[in-house]
Amino acid sequence: MFKNTDPKDPKSPKQPKGDFNKKAFKYAIGMIESSGGKNLSSKTSSAAGKYQFLWNLIKDDDSLDGISKREFIGSSDLQEQIMDKALNGNLKGYPNYISNANKLKSEYGSELGVTKIAALTHFLGSGNVRKYLSNPQEFKVNGVNKTPEEYLSDFNNYFE
């Protein structure tokens, strides 16, 4: 749990880097994206696994060399490796979620907490989270998805 913050408040203050609760973050993302690992593939995109990474974006990662999408979906260990790589900025195309969120919070003067911006980075991608933070009222999500506000509401409900 973060010190001096309310994880259910999307406007909670910036959390210090050392207080990032990786386990709670991953739990919340997994619950939103796949009902905790029950829905591991998407009918509307290439999203796969507990955290619903777009297969087309991750399939060339070294840790997935020779692995099919079906094998990835069947391996919770690989899914955890990919999520950890994304969180740490070691997955091509994915920034370090917390460092990036700290930077974006400062750059845009967002009232959202760092953890919430990190969750939006997972949901929207780093380019779209910038667009959202620069103009939340005008931002539209592509495809069949929740709004950023709906995603954060769900995130807040699962983040413990």
Protein backbone atom coordinates (compact mmCIF):
# COMPACT_ATOMS: atom_id res chain seq x y z
CA MET A 1 0.00 0.00 0.00
CA PHE A 2 1.23 3.50 -0.74
CA LYS A 3 1.97 5.82 2.13
CA ASN A 4 -0.28 8.88 2.42
CA THR A 5 -2.33 7.96 -0.65
CA ASP A 6 -5.75 6.56 -1.35
CA PRO A 7 -5.47 3.95 -4.14
CA LYS A 8 -9.19 4.31 -4.85
CA ASP A 9 -8.77 8.04 -5.57
CA PRO A 10 -7.66 8.67 -9.17
CA LYS A 11 -6.34 12.05 -8.02
CA SER A 12 -4.14 10.60 -5.28
CA PRO A 13 -0.78 12.34 -4.88
CA LYS A 14 2.43 11.16 -6.51
CA GLN A 15 3.77 8.02 -4.92
CA PRO A 16 7.51 7.78 -4.25
CA LYS A 17 9.25 5.33 -6.58
CA GLY A 18 10.21 3.03 -3.72
CA ASP A 19 6.58 2.58 -2.74
CA PHE A 20 5.39 1.09 -6.02
CA ASN A 21 3.43 -2.04 -5.17
CA LYS A 22 4.26 -4.26 -8.14
CA LYS A 23 2.20 -7.20 -6.87
CA ALA A 24 -0.95 -5.10 -6.40
CA PHE A 25 -0.38 -3.37 -9.75
CA LYS A 26 -0.03 -6.65 -11.64
CA TYR A 27 -3.04 -8.11 -9.84
CA ALA A 28 -5.23 -5.16 -10.83
CA ILE A 29 -4.06 -5.16 -14.45
CA GLY A 30 -4.57 -8.93 -14.69
CA MET A 31 -8.09 -8.67 -13.30
CA ILE A 32 -9.07 -5.90 -15.70
CA GLU A 33 -7.45 -7.40 -18.77
CA SER A 34 -8.34 -11.08 -18.41
CA SER A 35 -10.47 -11.57 -15.30
CA GLY A 36 -7.35 -12.76 -13.49
CA GLY A 37 -6.18 -15.07 -16.26
CA LYS A 38 -9.52 -16.59 -17.25
CA ASN A 39 -9.80 -14.89 -20.67
CA LEU A 40 -6.40 -15.24 -22.27
CA SER A 41 -7.15 -14.27 -25.86
CA SER A 42 -9.13 -11.55 -27.55
CA LYS A 43 -11.59 -11.92 -30.40
CA THR A 44 -11.09 -8.30 -31.48
CA SER A 45 -7.27 -7.96 -31.46
CA SER A 46 -4.01 -9.89 -31.14
CA ALA A 47 -4.08 -9.37 -27.35
CA ALA A 48 -2.94 -12.44 -25.45
CA GLY A 49 -2.26 -13.64 -21.93
CA LYS A 50 -3.22 -12.53 -18.47
CA TYR A 51 -2.11 -8.94 -19.16
CA GLN A 52 -3.42 -8.83 -22.75
CA PHE A 53 -0.25 -7.71 -24.51
CA LEU A 54 -0.70 -7.27 -28.24
CA TRP A 55 0.96 -10.37 -29.64
CA ASN A 56 1.95 -8.50 -32.79
CA LEU A 57 4.05 -6.14 -30.64
CA ILE A 58 5.70 -8.66 -28.32
CA LYS A 59 6.20 -11.77 -30.50
CA ASP A 60 9.72 -10.74 -31.57
CA ASP A 61 11.02 -10.38 -28.01
CA ASP A 62 14.07 -12.59 -27.37
CA SER A 63 12.30 -14.42 -24.53
CA LEU A 64 9.59 -15.50 -26.99
CA ASP A 65 11.95 -16.79 -29.67
CA GLY A 66 10.37 -19.90 -31.18
CA ILE A 67 7.24 -19.53 -29.02
CA SER A 68 3.82 -19.45 -30.68
CA LYS A 69 0.95 -17.31 -29.46
CA ARG A 70 -0.79 -20.47 -28.27
CA GLU A 71 2.30 -21.50 -26.27
CA PHE A 72 2.53 -18.00 -24.77
CA ILE A 73 -1.12 -18.17 -23.72
CA GLY A 74 -0.42 -21.55 -22.09
CA SER A 75 2.58 -20.33 -20.08
CA SER A 76 1.87 -18.18 -17.04
CA ASP A 77 5.65 -17.95 -16.47
CA LEU A 78 6.20 -16.35 -19.89
CA GLN A 79 3.29 -13.99 -19.32
CA GLU A 80 4.82 -12.88 -16.01
CA GLN A 81 8.25 -12.45 -17.66
CA ILE A 82 6.78 -10.21 -20.35
CA MET A 83 4.85 -8.11 -17.82
CA ASP A 84 7.97 -7.71 -15.68
CA LYS A 85 9.98 -6.71 -18.75
CA ALA A 86 7.34 -4.12 -19.65
CA LEU A 87 7.25 -2.73 -16.10
CA ASN A 88 11.04 -2.41 -16.08
CA GLY A 89 11.33 -0.92 -19.56
CA ASN A 90 13.06 -4.00 -20.96
CA LEU A 91 10.36 -4.87 -23.50
CA LYS A 92 10.78 -3.23 -26.87
CA GLY A 93 8.20 -0.50 -27.36
CA TYR A 94 7.29 -0.33 -23.66
CA PRO A 95 8.77 2.34 -21.38
CA ASN A 96 9.62 1.68 -17.76
CA TYR A 97 6.08 2.17 -16.46
CA ILE A 98 6.95 4.03 -13.24
CA SER A 99 9.76 6.21 -14.59
CA ASN A 100 7.60 7.10 -17.57
CA ALA A 101 4.60 7.82 -15.33
CA ASN A 102 6.71 10.11 -13.11
CA LYS A 103 7.94 11.96 -16.19
CA LEU A 104 4.45 12.31 -17.68
CA LYS A 105 2.93 13.42 -14.38
CA SER A 106 5.48 16.20 -14.17
CA GLU A 107 5.35 17.08 -17.87
CA TYR A 108 1.55 17.40 -17.98
CA GLY A 109 0.95 18.51 -14.40
CA SER A 110 -1.54 15.68 -14.06
CA GLU A 111 -3.55 15.24 -10.89
CA LEU A 112 -3.52 11.47 -11.48
CA GLY A 113 -1.18 9.49 -9.27
CA VAL A 114 1.89 7.83 -10.76
CA THR A 115 0.40 4.35 -10.38
CA LYS A 116 -2.72 5.41 -12.29
CA ILE A 117 -0.62 6.87 -15.11
CA ALA A 118 1.38 3.62 -15.18
CA ALA A 119 -1.89 1.67 -15.50
CA LEU A 120 -2.98 3.93 -18.34
CA THR A 121 0.40 3.36 -20.01
CA HIS A 122 -0.33 -0.36 -20.04
CA PHE A 123 -3.86 0.21 -21.34
CA LEU A 124 -3.24 2.94 -23.92
CA GLY A 125 0.45 2.65 -24.77
CA SER A 126 2.94 5.42 -24.14
CA GLY A 127 1.95 7.56 -27.15
CA ASN A 128 -1.75 7.48 -26.40
CA VAL A 129 -1.30 8.12 -22.68
CA ARG A 130 0.48 11.36 -23.68
CA LYS A 131 -2.46 12.30 -25.91
CA TYR A 132 -4.88 11.49 -23.12
CA LEU A 133 -3.00 13.53 -20.51
CA SER A 134 -2.71 16.49 -22.86
CA ASN A 135 -6.46 16.58 -23.53
CA PRO A 136 -8.55 14.06 -21.56
CA GLN A 137 -11.90 15.48 -22.67
CA GLU A 138 -11.15 15.05 -26.37
CA PHE A 139 -9.28 11.71 -26.22
CA LYS A 140 -11.00 8.74 -27.84
CA VAL A 141 -9.88 5.12 -27.42
CA ASN A 142 -9.49 3.09 -30.60
CA GLY A 143 -11.42 -0.12 -31.14
CA VAL A 144 -13.76 -1.83 -28.73
CA ASN A 145 -12.38 -0.70 -25.40
CA LYS A 146 -13.25 1.02 -22.16
CA THR A 147 -12.67 4.71 -21.76
CA PRO A 148 -9.59 5.68 -19.73
CA GLU A 149 -11.91 6.71 -16.90
CA GLU A 150 -13.64 3.31 -16.91
CA TYR A 151 -10.26 1.57 -16.96
CA LEU A 152 -9.04 3.61 -13.98
CA SER A 153 -12.26 2.96 -12.11
CA ASP A 154 -11.77 -0.79 -12.58
CA PHE A 155 -8.09 -0.46 -11.68
CA ASN A 156 -9.00 1.33 -8.45
CA ASN A 157 -11.49 -1.42 -7.57
CA TYR A 158 -8.84 -4.17 -7.91
CA PHE A 159 -5.78 -2.34 -6.62
CA GLU A 160 -5.39 -3.33 -2.98
